[in-house]
Amino acid sequence: MDANLKKQLEIQACKIRMGILTGVYNAKSGHPGGSLSIADTLTYLYFNKMNVDPKDPDNQDRDRFVLSKGHTAPALYSTLANKGFFSLEELKSLRHIGALLQGHPCIHIPGVDMSSGSLGQGISVAAGMALSGKISNKSYKVYTVLGDGEIEEGQVWEAAMFAAHYKLDNLVAVVDNNGLQIDGAIKDVMSPYSITDKFKAFGWHVIEADAHDFDSLDAAFTEADTIKDKPVVIVQKSVKGKGVSFMENQVSWHGTAPNAQQYADAMNELESTLKGLEG
C-alpha cells in the first residue's frame, strides 16, 4: 500500500475511534470494545474500498455493508459521520430518545443498508443481498462484519451453507476475532475454533489478516476480489478496545461506557496518537 494512503487511513481511523468514544460516553451506555476493534476495517472499507457516496446513499449500484454484530453500531455511526452521511454532532445524541442514532443500526439512517443486531441475522441478509445482485446482474459487492462470539449462533452457518451453495463470490464476510465476548473469552464460553477450518468446510475461501495493519487488510481485500465462484471470509485477528490502552484486551469494556475521567483519558490518548500521525 502507498505510504501516504496508509498514513491517511491511520489518521482517519484515529478520528473514527474518537467518534466512537464520544458517542458511547454521551449515551452513557454502549459497546466500545468491539467497536474499537473494527475501526480500522471500517476505515479501510469506507475510505478506500467500497463504492459508496454520501450524496447518493441509495444508488442501486453502490456496494452494500451489513454490520452483523450490530451492537458495535458506534463504529459504523462514527465511520458514516466521518464519511459525510450525517453530521458528527449526531454522535453526541447516540441512544437518546427521538435521536437519529439508536443502539443498533437502523435502516432509516443515511448510509445504513440493513437494520441489524440480532446476532446471526446480518450475514443472512448480506447473503440475500448478494444473491439479489447475482440475479439482477449487478456488479456491486456486499460486505458484512461478524463478531467471533456471534459465530456461535447456528444461523451464521445456515447462511454460510447458503452462500457457498449459490457461489456468492460477490459476498465478503469479515470475522472480527478479538477473542472476547460479553461473558469472557470465546474459547471458554463456546469455542468456535478453528474458525478458518469451519468456513473452509462450508465451502468458503478463507483469508487471514491483521485487523490493525492496513497493508494486511489491503492484501486481504485485494485477494478477495480475485476469487470466483466462492464467498470469501476474512478472519482478522484484532484487539478488543484497540487504540485506548486501558481498554485493550479487557472484557469489561465489551458493554461499558467510560465515566468522565475515563473519557478524558481516552480522548487525550487518541488526540496524542492523532497528533503524532499528523506531525
C-alpha atoms as a PDB file:
ATOM      1  CA  MET A   1       0.000   0.000   0.000  1.00  0.00           C
ATOM      2  CA  ASP A   2       1.170   3.527  -0.788  1.00  0.00           C
ATOM      3  CA  ALA A   3       2.742   5.037   2.338  1.00  0.00           C
ATOM      4  CA  ASN A   4       0.794   8.287   2.072  1.00  0.00           C
ATOM      5  CA  LEU A   5      -2.531   6.470   1.683  1.00  0.00           C
ATOM      6  CA  LYS A   6      -1.695   4.252   4.640  1.00  0.00           C
ATOM      7  CA  LYS A   7      -0.942   7.301   6.784  1.00  0.00           C
ATOM      8  CA  GLN A   8      -4.210   8.965   5.763  1.00  0.00           C
ATOM      9  CA  LEU A   9      -6.139   5.818   6.681  1.00  0.00           C
ATOM     10  CA  GLU A  10      -4.397   5.665  10.072  1.00  0.00           C
ATOM     11  CA  ILE A  11      -5.373   9.282  10.706  1.00  0.00           C
ATOM     12  CA  GLN A  12      -8.961   8.593   9.691  1.00  0.00           C
ATOM     13  CA  ALA A  13      -9.153   5.501  11.889  1.00  0.00           C
ATOM     14  CA  CYS A  14      -7.993   7.540  14.878  1.00  0.00           C
ATOM     15  CA  LYS A  15     -10.743  10.092  14.232  1.00  0.00           C
ATOM     16  CA  ILE A  16     -13.285   7.289  13.962  1.00  0.00           C
ATOM     17  CA  ARG A  17     -12.145   5.909  17.324  1.00  0.00           C
ATOM     18  CA  MET A  18     -12.629   9.361  18.850  1.00  0.00           C
ATOM     19  CA  GLY A  19     -16.159   9.429  17.444  1.00  0.00           C
ATOM     20  CA  ILE A  20     -16.880   6.006  18.908  1.00  0.00           C
ATOM     21  CA  LEU A  21     -15.925   7.167  22.387  1.00  0.00           C
ATOM     22  CA  THR A  22     -17.836  10.439  22.010  1.00  0.00           C
ATOM     23  CA  GLY A  23     -20.976   8.525  21.149  1.00  0.00           C
ATOM     24  CA  VAL A  24     -20.741   5.927  23.897  1.00  0.00           C
ATOM     25  CA  TYR A  25     -19.758   8.480  26.532  1.00  0.00           C
ATOM     26  CA  ASN A  26     -22.689  10.749  25.732  1.00  0.00           C
ATOM     27  CA  ALA A  27     -25.068   7.796  25.619  1.00  0.00           C
ATOM     28  CA  LYS A  28     -23.791   6.553  28.993  1.00  0.00           C
ATOM     29  CA  SER A  29     -24.129   3.072  27.504  1.00  0.00           C
ATOM     30  CA  GLY A  30     -22.993   1.064  24.514  1.00  0.00           C
ATOM     31  CA  HIS A  31     -20.232  -1.221  23.323  1.00  0.00           C
ATOM     32  CA  PRO A  32     -16.830   0.451  22.972  1.00  0.00           C
ATOM     33  CA  GLY A  33     -14.562  -2.618  22.998  1.00  0.00           C
ATOM     34  CA  GLY A  34     -15.777  -4.330  19.846  1.00  0.00           C
ATOM     35  CA  SER A  35     -16.391  -1.008  18.151  1.00  0.00           C
ATOM     36  CA  LEU A  36     -12.755  -0.018  18.581  1.00  0.00           C
ATOM     37  CA  SER A  37     -11.560  -3.392  17.292  1.00  0.00           C
ATOM     38  CA  ILE A  38     -13.267  -2.897  13.895  1.00  0.00           C
ATOM     39  CA  ALA A  39     -12.407   0.787  13.426  1.00  0.00           C
ATOM     40  CA  ASP A  40      -9.514   0.063  11.060  1.00  0.00           C
ATOM     41  CA  THR A  41     -11.584  -2.356   8.982  1.00  0.00           C
ATOM     42  CA  LEU A  42     -14.427   0.122   8.536  1.00  0.00           C
ATOM     43  CA  THR A  43     -11.925   2.852   7.740  1.00  0.00           C
ATOM     44  CA  TYR A  44     -10.390   0.715   5.004  1.00  0.00           C
ATOM     45  CA  LEU A  45     -13.775  -0.205   3.529  1.00  0.00           C
ATOM     46  CA  TYR A  46     -15.392   3.233   3.540  1.00  0.00           C
ATOM     47  CA  PHE A  47     -12.339   5.348   2.759  1.00  0.00           C
ATOM     48  CA  ASN A  48     -10.526   3.107   0.309  1.00  0.00           C
ATOM     49  CA  LYS A  49     -12.543   0.143  -0.920  1.00  0.00           C
ATOM     50  CA  MET A  50     -16.292   0.488  -1.177  1.00  0.00           C
ATOM     51  CA  ASN A  51     -18.243   2.281  -3.882  1.00  0.00           C
ATOM     52  CA  VAL A  52     -20.462   4.493  -1.709  1.00  0.00           C
ATOM     53  CA  ASP A  53     -21.408   8.150  -1.989  1.00  0.00           C
ATOM     54  CA  PRO A  54     -22.945  10.136   0.886  1.00  0.00           C
ATOM     55  CA  LYS A  55     -24.537  12.420  -1.721  1.00  0.00           C
ATOM     56  CA  ASP A  56     -26.312   9.436  -3.307  1.00  0.00           C
ATOM     57  CA  PRO A  57     -26.731   6.903  -0.483  1.00  0.00           C
ATOM     58  CA  ASP A  58     -29.429   4.862  -2.225  1.00  0.00           C
ATOM     59  CA  ASN A  59     -27.664   4.386  -5.546  1.00  0.00           C
ATOM     60  CA  GLN A  60     -28.668   0.933  -6.775  1.00  0.00           C
ATOM     61  CA  ASP A  61     -25.132   0.168  -7.959  1.00  0.00           C
ATOM     62  CA  ARG A  62     -23.437   1.009  -4.655  1.00  0.00           C
ATOM     63  CA  ASP A  63     -21.601  -1.590  -2.618  1.00  0.00           C
ATOM     64  CA  ARG A  64     -23.563  -2.777   0.411  1.00  0.00           C
ATOM     65  CA  PHE A  65     -22.428  -3.130   4.018  1.00  0.00           C
ATOM     66  CA  VAL A  66     -24.165  -5.016   6.830  1.00  0.00           C
ATOM     67  CA  LEU A  67     -22.902  -4.777  10.403  1.00  0.00           C
ATOM     68  CA  SER A  68     -23.922  -8.239  11.552  1.00  0.00           C
ATOM     69  CA  LYS A  69     -22.560  -7.599  15.045  1.00  0.00           C
ATOM     70  CA  GLY A  70     -24.922  -4.649  15.315  1.00  0.00           C
ATOM     71  CA  HIS A  71     -24.135  -3.805  18.939  1.00  0.00           C
ATOM     72  CA  THR A  72     -20.933  -2.183  17.648  1.00  0.00           C
ATOM     73  CA  ALA A  73     -23.040   0.457  15.911  1.00  0.00           C
ATOM     74  CA  PRO A  74     -20.890   3.269  17.400  1.00  0.00           C
ATOM     75  CA  ALA A  75     -18.115   2.218  14.995  1.00  0.00           C
ATOM     76  CA  LEU A  76     -20.427   2.272  11.979  1.00  0.00           C
ATOM     77  CA  TYR A  77     -22.010   5.568  13.016  1.00  0.00           C
ATOM     78  CA  SER A  78     -18.653   7.261  13.531  1.00  0.00           C
ATOM     79  CA  THR A  79     -17.469   5.971  10.160  1.00  0.00           C
ATOM     80  CA  LEU A  80     -20.592   7.196   8.372  1.00  0.00           C
ATOM     81  CA  ALA A  81     -20.373  10.592  10.074  1.00  0.00           C
ATOM     82  CA  ASN A  82     -16.713  10.981   9.140  1.00  0.00           C
ATOM     83  CA  LYS A  83     -17.584   9.968   5.581  1.00  0.00           C
ATOM     84  CA  GLY A  84     -20.229  12.706   5.420  1.00  0.00           C
ATOM     85  CA  PHE A  85     -23.502  10.789   5.570  1.00  0.00           C
ATOM     86  CA  PHE A  86     -24.596  12.931   8.520  1.00  0.00           C
ATOM     87  CA  SER A  87     -23.123  15.424  10.982  1.00  0.00           C
ATOM     88  CA  LEU A  88     -20.517  14.448  13.554  1.00  0.00           C
ATOM     89  CA  GLU A  89     -22.721  16.255  16.072  1.00  0.00           C
ATOM     90  CA  GLU A  90     -25.241  13.414  15.753  1.00  0.00           C
ATOM     91  CA  LEU A  91     -22.799  11.130  17.573  1.00  0.00           C
ATOM     92  CA  LYS A  92     -23.429  13.044  20.799  1.00  0.00           C
ATOM     93  CA  SER A  93     -27.096  12.028  20.786  1.00  0.00           C
ATOM     94  CA  LEU A  94     -26.425   8.286  20.428  1.00  0.00           C
ATOM     95  CA  ARG A  95     -29.165   6.196  22.085  1.00  0.00           C
ATOM     96  CA  HIS A  96     -31.176   9.252  23.088  1.00  0.00           C
ATOM     97  CA  ILE A  97     -34.949   9.030  22.683  1.00  0.00           C
ATOM     98  CA  GLY A  98     -36.027  10.558  19.399  1.00  0.00           C
ATOM     99  CA  ALA A  99     -32.472  10.870  18.090  1.00  0.00           C
ATOM    100  CA  LEU A 100     -31.313   9.603  14.699  1.00  0.00           C
ATOM    101  CA  LEU A 101     -28.775   7.127  16.060  1.00  0.00           C
ATOM    102  CA  GLN A 102     -30.142   4.304  18.160  1.00  0.00           C
ATOM    103  CA  GLY A 103     -28.344   1.426  19.881  1.00  0.00           C
ATOM    104  CA  HIS A 104     -28.303  -0.789  16.805  1.00  0.00           C
ATOM    105  CA  PRO A 105     -28.119   0.170  13.132  1.00  0.00           C
ATOM    106  CA  CYS A 106     -31.498   1.185  11.722  1.00  0.00           C
ATOM    107  CA  ILE A 107     -32.228   1.295   8.016  1.00  0.00           C
ATOM    108  CA  HIS A 108     -33.669   4.828   8.172  1.00  0.00           C
ATOM    109  CA  ILE A 109     -30.189   6.190   8.963  1.00  0.00           C
ATOM    110  CA  PRO A 110     -28.364   7.541   5.892  1.00  0.00           C
ATOM    111  CA  GLY A 111     -25.735   5.019   4.805  1.00  0.00           C
ATOM    112  CA  VAL A 112     -27.171   2.073   6.740  1.00  0.00           C
ATOM    113  CA  ASP A 113     -28.200  -0.758   4.413  1.00  0.00           C
ATOM    114  CA  MET A 114     -29.789  -3.062   6.982  1.00  0.00           C
ATOM    115  CA  SER A 115     -31.203  -2.878  10.496  1.00  0.00           C
ATOM    116  CA  SER A 116     -29.124  -5.362  12.462  1.00  0.00           C
ATOM    117  CA  GLY A 117     -28.156  -6.568  15.881  1.00  0.00           C
ATOM    118  CA  SER A 118     -29.983  -9.873  16.327  1.00  0.00           C
ATOM    119  CA  LEU A 119     -26.821 -11.927  16.112  1.00  0.00           C
ATOM    120  CA  GLY A 120     -26.595 -14.184  13.086  1.00  0.00           C
ATOM    121  CA  GLN A 121     -29.197 -12.342  11.048  1.00  0.00           C
ATOM    122  CA  GLY A 122     -26.860  -9.794   9.464  1.00  0.00           C
ATOM    123  CA  ILE A 123     -24.838 -12.301   7.476  1.00  0.00           C
ATOM    124  CA  SER A 124     -28.075 -13.966   6.399  1.00  0.00           C
ATOM    125  CA  VAL A 125     -29.375 -10.705   4.953  1.00  0.00           C
ATOM    126  CA  ALA A 126     -25.991  -9.951   3.387  1.00  0.00           C
ATOM    127  CA  ALA A 127     -26.134 -13.312   1.600  1.00  0.00           C
ATOM    128  CA  GLY A 128     -29.599 -12.445   0.324  1.00  0.00           C
ATOM    129  CA  MET A 129     -28.355  -9.093  -0.940  1.00  0.00           C
ATOM    130  CA  ALA A 130     -25.502 -10.843  -2.735  1.00  0.00           C
ATOM    131  CA  LEU A 131     -27.853 -13.340  -4.377  1.00  0.00           C
ATOM    132  CA  SER A 132     -30.080 -10.459  -5.484  1.00  0.00           C
ATOM    133  CA  GLY A 133     -27.069  -8.831  -7.080  1.00  0.00           C
ATOM    134  CA  LYS A 134     -26.312 -12.032  -8.969  1.00  0.00           C
ATOM    135  CA  ILE A 135     -29.885 -12.424 -10.190  1.00  0.00           C
ATOM    136  CA  SER A 136     -30.013  -8.770 -11.269  1.00  0.00           C
ATOM    137  CA  ASN A 137     -26.605  -8.908 -12.967  1.00  0.00           C
ATOM    138  CA  LYS A 138     -25.337  -6.094 -10.737  1.00  0.00           C
ATOM    139  CA  SER A 139     -21.637  -5.536 -10.162  1.00  0.00           C
ATOM    140  CA  TYR A 140     -21.859  -4.411  -6.533  1.00  0.00           C
ATOM    141  CA  LYS A 141     -20.243  -6.313  -3.687  1.00  0.00           C
ATOM    142  CA  VAL A 142     -21.692  -6.992  -0.253  1.00  0.00           C
ATOM    143  CA  TYR A 143     -19.517  -6.737   2.850  1.00  0.00           C
ATOM    144  CA  THR A 144     -20.506  -7.856   6.333  1.00  0.00           C
ATOM    145  CA  VAL A 145     -18.691  -7.871   9.686  1.00  0.00           C
ATOM    146  CA  LEU A 146     -19.400 -10.526  12.306  1.00  0.00           C
ATOM    147  CA  GLY A 147     -18.177 -10.927  15.851  1.00  0.00           C
ATOM    148  CA  ASP A 148     -16.254 -14.061  16.779  1.00  0.00           C
ATOM    149  CA  GLY A 149     -18.736 -14.632  19.594  1.00  0.00           C
ATOM    150  CA  GLU A 150     -21.560 -14.125  17.111  1.00  0.00           C
ATOM    151  CA  ILE A 151     -20.488 -17.116  15.059  1.00  0.00           C
ATOM    152  CA  GLU A 152     -21.595 -19.315  17.943  1.00  0.00           C
ATOM    153  CA  GLU A 153     -25.090 -18.718  16.504  1.00  0.00           C
ATOM    154  CA  GLY A 154     -26.382 -21.544  14.324  1.00  0.00           C
ATOM    155  CA  GLN A 155     -27.959 -19.157  11.832  1.00  0.00           C
ATOM    156  CA  VAL A 156     -24.490 -17.999  10.798  1.00  0.00           C
ATOM    157  CA  TRP A 157     -23.729 -21.471   9.494  1.00  0.00           C
ATOM    158  CA  GLU A 158     -27.039 -21.758   7.667  1.00  0.00           C
ATOM    159  CA  ALA A 159     -26.082 -18.526   5.875  1.00  0.00           C
ATOM    160  CA  ALA A 160     -22.589 -19.870   5.242  1.00  0.00           C
ATOM    161  CA  MET A 161     -24.028 -23.003   3.626  1.00  0.00           C
ATOM    162  CA  PHE A 162     -26.435 -20.879   1.551  1.00  0.00           C
ATOM    163  CA  ALA A 163     -23.684 -18.540   0.321  1.00  0.00           C
ATOM    164  CA  ALA A 164     -21.418 -21.406  -0.771  1.00  0.00           C
ATOM    165  CA  HIS A 165     -24.283 -23.268  -2.461  1.00  0.00           C
ATOM    166  CA  TYR A 166     -25.140 -20.234  -4.587  1.00  0.00           C
ATOM    167  CA  LYS A 167     -21.463 -19.436  -5.271  1.00  0.00           C
ATOM    168  CA  LEU A 168     -21.771 -15.894  -3.969  1.00  0.00           C
ATOM    169  CA  ASP A 169     -18.363 -14.555  -4.934  1.00  0.00           C
ATOM    170  CA  ASN A 170     -19.764 -11.023  -4.539  1.00  0.00           C
ATOM    171  CA  LEU A 171     -20.017 -11.579  -0.759  1.00  0.00           C
ATOM    172  CA  VAL A 172     -17.122 -10.836   1.609  1.00  0.00           C
ATOM    173  CA  ALA A 173     -17.574 -11.557   5.309  1.00  0.00           C
ATOM    174  CA  VAL A 174     -15.163 -10.385   7.984  1.00  0.00           C
ATOM    175  CA  VAL A 175     -14.945 -12.229  11.297  1.00  0.00           C
ATOM    176  CA  ASP A 176     -13.578  -9.883  13.953  1.00  0.00           C
ATOM    177  CA  ASN A 177     -11.563 -12.288  16.071  1.00  0.00           C
ATOM    178  CA  ASN A 178     -10.762 -10.246  19.170  1.00  0.00           C
ATOM    179  CA  GLY A 179     -11.191 -13.316  21.375  1.00  0.00           C
ATOM    180  CA  LEU A 180     -13.629 -11.798  23.861  1.00  0.00           C
ATOM    181  CA  GLN A 181     -17.413 -11.685  24.221  1.00  0.00           C
ATOM    182  CA  ILE A 182     -19.686 -10.372  26.945  1.00  0.00           C
ATOM    183  CA  ASP A 183     -19.238 -13.409  29.203  1.00  0.00           C
ATOM    184  CA  GLY A 184     -15.489 -13.812  28.758  1.00  0.00           C
ATOM    185  CA  ALA A 185     -13.034 -15.441  26.372  1.00  0.00           C
ATOM    186  CA  ILE A 186     -14.760 -17.071  23.419  1.00  0.00           C
ATOM    187  CA  LYS A 187     -12.637 -20.191  23.845  1.00  0.00           C
ATOM    188  CA  ASP A 188     -14.150 -20.645  27.311  1.00  0.00           C
ATOM    189  CA  VAL A 189     -17.756 -19.615  26.605  1.00  0.00           C
ATOM    190  CA  MET A 190     -18.365 -21.639  23.430  1.00  0.00           C
ATOM    191  CA  SER A 191     -15.245 -22.098  21.356  1.00  0.00           C
ATOM    192  CA  PRO A 192     -15.718 -21.525  17.612  1.00  0.00           C
ATOM    193  CA  TYR A 193     -12.152 -22.579  16.825  1.00  0.00           C
ATOM    194  CA  SER A 194     -10.857 -23.375  14.323  1.00  0.00           C
ATOM    195  CA  ILE A 195     -12.729 -20.554  12.598  1.00  0.00           C
ATOM    196  CA  THR A 196     -10.741 -20.951   9.377  1.00  0.00           C
ATOM    197  CA  ASP A 197     -11.307 -24.709   9.189  1.00  0.00           C
ATOM    198  CA  LYS A 198     -15.039 -24.331   9.746  1.00  0.00           C
ATOM    199  CA  PHE A 199     -15.504 -21.837   6.917  1.00  0.00           C
ATOM    200  CA  LYS A 200     -13.326 -23.943   4.613  1.00  0.00           C
ATOM    201  CA  ALA A 201     -15.515 -26.936   5.398  1.00  0.00           C
ATOM    202  CA  PHE A 202     -18.566 -24.877   4.421  1.00  0.00           C
ATOM    203  CA  GLY A 203     -17.017 -24.106   1.035  1.00  0.00           C
ATOM    204  CA  TRP A 204     -15.680 -20.583   1.586  1.00  0.00           C
ATOM    205  CA  HIS A 205     -12.364 -19.119   0.514  1.00  0.00           C
ATOM    206  CA  VAL A 206     -10.626 -18.127   3.745  1.00  0.00           C
ATOM    207  CA  ILE A 207      -8.085 -15.312   4.204  1.00  0.00           C
ATOM    208  CA  GLU A 208      -6.375 -14.402   7.467  1.00  0.00           C
ATOM    209  CA  ALA A 209      -5.423 -10.805   8.253  1.00  0.00           C
ATOM    210  CA  ASP A 210      -4.171  -8.432  10.931  1.00  0.00           C
ATOM    211  CA  ALA A 211      -7.090  -6.138  11.730  1.00  0.00           C
ATOM    212  CA  HIS A 212      -4.814  -3.251  12.714  1.00  0.00           C
ATOM    213  CA  ASP A 213      -2.365  -3.293   9.800  1.00  0.00           C
ATOM    214  CA  PHE A 214      -3.619  -1.553   6.668  1.00  0.00           C
ATOM    215  CA  ASP A 215      -1.105  -3.391   4.487  1.00  0.00           C
ATOM    216  CA  SER A 216      -2.541  -6.681   5.741  1.00  0.00           C
ATOM    217  CA  LEU A 217      -6.128  -5.515   5.239  1.00  0.00           C
ATOM    218  CA  ASP A 218      -5.310  -4.271   1.763  1.00  0.00           C
ATOM    219  CA  ALA A 219      -3.752  -7.591   0.799  1.00  0.00           C
ATOM    220  CA  ALA A 220      -6.762  -9.481   2.165  1.00  0.00           C
ATOM    221  CA  PHE A 221      -9.447  -7.447   0.406  1.00  0.00           C
ATOM    222  CA  THR A 222      -7.405  -7.375  -2.811  1.00  0.00           C
ATOM    223  CA  GLU A 223      -7.153 -11.168  -2.742  1.00  0.00           C
ATOM    224  CA  ALA A 224     -10.894 -11.376  -2.100  1.00  0.00           C
ATOM    225  CA  ASP A 225     -11.504  -9.583  -5.407  1.00  0.00           C
ATOM    226  CA  THR A 226      -9.748 -12.358  -7.312  1.00  0.00           C
ATOM    227  CA  ILE A 227     -11.880 -15.233  -6.016  1.00  0.00           C
ATOM    228  CA  LYS A 228     -14.530 -16.684  -8.301  1.00  0.00           C
ATOM    229  CA  ASP A 229     -17.497 -18.973  -7.522  1.00  0.00           C
ATOM    230  CA  LYS A 230     -16.941 -18.900  -3.753  1.00  0.00           C
ATOM    231  CA  PRO A 231     -17.863 -16.487  -0.985  1.00  0.00           C
ATOM    232  CA  VAL A 232     -14.881 -15.071   0.886  1.00  0.00           C
ATOM    233  CA  VAL A 233     -14.321 -14.712   4.613  1.00  0.00           C
ATOM    234  CA  ILE A 234     -11.514 -12.655   6.106  1.00  0.00           C
ATOM    235  CA  VAL A 235     -10.726 -13.863   9.611  1.00  0.00           C
ATOM    236  CA  GLN A 236      -8.997 -10.884  11.173  1.00  0.00           C
ATOM    237  CA  LYS A 237      -7.055 -11.047  14.419  1.00  0.00           C
ATOM    238  CA  SER A 238      -7.924  -7.946  16.386  1.00  0.00           C
ATOM    239  CA  VAL A 239      -7.590  -6.364  19.803  1.00  0.00           C
ATOM    240  CA  LYS A 240     -10.739  -5.522  21.715  1.00  0.00           C
ATOM    241  CA  GLY A 241     -10.571  -1.862  22.739  1.00  0.00           C
ATOM    242  CA  LYS A 242      -7.763  -1.151  20.256  1.00  0.00           C
ATOM    243  CA  GLY A 243      -6.332   2.365  20.470  1.00  0.00           C
ATOM    244  CA  VAL A 244      -7.151   3.054  24.114  1.00  0.00           C
ATOM    245  CA  SER A 245      -4.515   1.373  26.252  1.00  0.00           C
ATOM    246  CA  PHE A 246      -6.638   0.764  29.361  1.00  0.00           C
ATOM    247  CA  MET A 247      -9.451  -0.756  27.286  1.00  0.00           C
ATOM    248  CA  GLU A 248      -7.327  -3.131  25.229  1.00  0.00           C
ATOM    249  CA  ASN A 249      -7.997  -6.850  25.753  1.00  0.00           C
ATOM    250  CA  GLN A 250     -10.309  -6.115  28.695  1.00  0.00           C
ATOM    251  CA  VAL A 251     -13.624  -7.961  28.537  1.00  0.00           C
ATOM    252  CA  SER A 252     -15.117  -5.419  30.964  1.00  0.00           C
ATOM    253  CA  TRP A 253     -15.191  -2.893  28.106  1.00  0.00           C
ATOM    254  CA  HIS A 254     -17.445  -5.057  25.963  1.00  0.00           C
ATOM    255  CA  GLY A 255     -20.537  -3.138  27.003  1.00  0.00           C
ATOM    256  CA  THR A 256     -19.481  -0.416  29.453  1.00  0.00           C
ATOM    257  CA  ALA A 257     -19.428   3.327  28.842  1.00  0.00           C
ATOM    258  CA  PRO A 258     -16.498   5.350  30.186  1.00  0.00           C
ATOM    259  CA  ASN A 259     -17.068   7.820  33.009  1.00  0.00           C
ATOM    260  CA  ALA A 260     -15.952  11.426  32.675  1.00  0.00           C
ATOM    261  CA  GLN A 261     -12.355  10.807  33.759  1.00  0.00           C
ATOM    262  CA  GLN A 262     -12.003   7.677  31.644  1.00  0.00           C
ATOM    263  CA  TYR A 263     -13.428   9.506  28.644  1.00  0.00           C
ATOM    264  CA  ALA A 264     -10.993  12.375  29.120  1.00  0.00           C
ATOM    265  CA  ASP A 265      -8.064   9.976  29.467  1.00  0.00           C
ATOM    266  CA  ALA A 266      -9.078   8.014  26.394  1.00  0.00           C
ATOM    267  CA  MET A 267      -9.594  11.106  24.261  1.00  0.00           C
ATOM    268  CA  ASN A 268      -6.262  12.551  25.401  1.00  0.00           C
ATOM    269  CA  GLU A 269      -4.538   9.334  24.363  1.00  0.00           C
ATOM    270  CA  LEU A 270      -6.216   9.321  20.957  1.00  0.00           C
ATOM    271  CA  GLU A 271      -5.509  13.032  20.445  1.00  0.00           C
ATOM    272  CA  SER A 272      -1.845  12.342  21.176  1.00  0.00           C
ATOM    273  CA  THR A 273      -1.893   9.485  18.657  1.00  0.00           C
ATOM    274  CA  LEU A 274      -3.553  11.716  16.074  1.00  0.00           C
ATOM    275  CA  LYS A 275      -1.020  14.492  16.647  1.00  0.00           C
ATOM    276  CA  GLY A 276       1.798  12.023  16.135  1.00  0.00           C
ATOM    277  CA  LEU A 277       0.264  10.774  12.889  1.00  0.00           C
ATOM    278  CA  GLU A 278      -0.389  14.257  11.540  1.00  0.00           C
ATOM    279  CA  GLY A 279       3.019  15.546  12.622  1.00  0.00           C
END
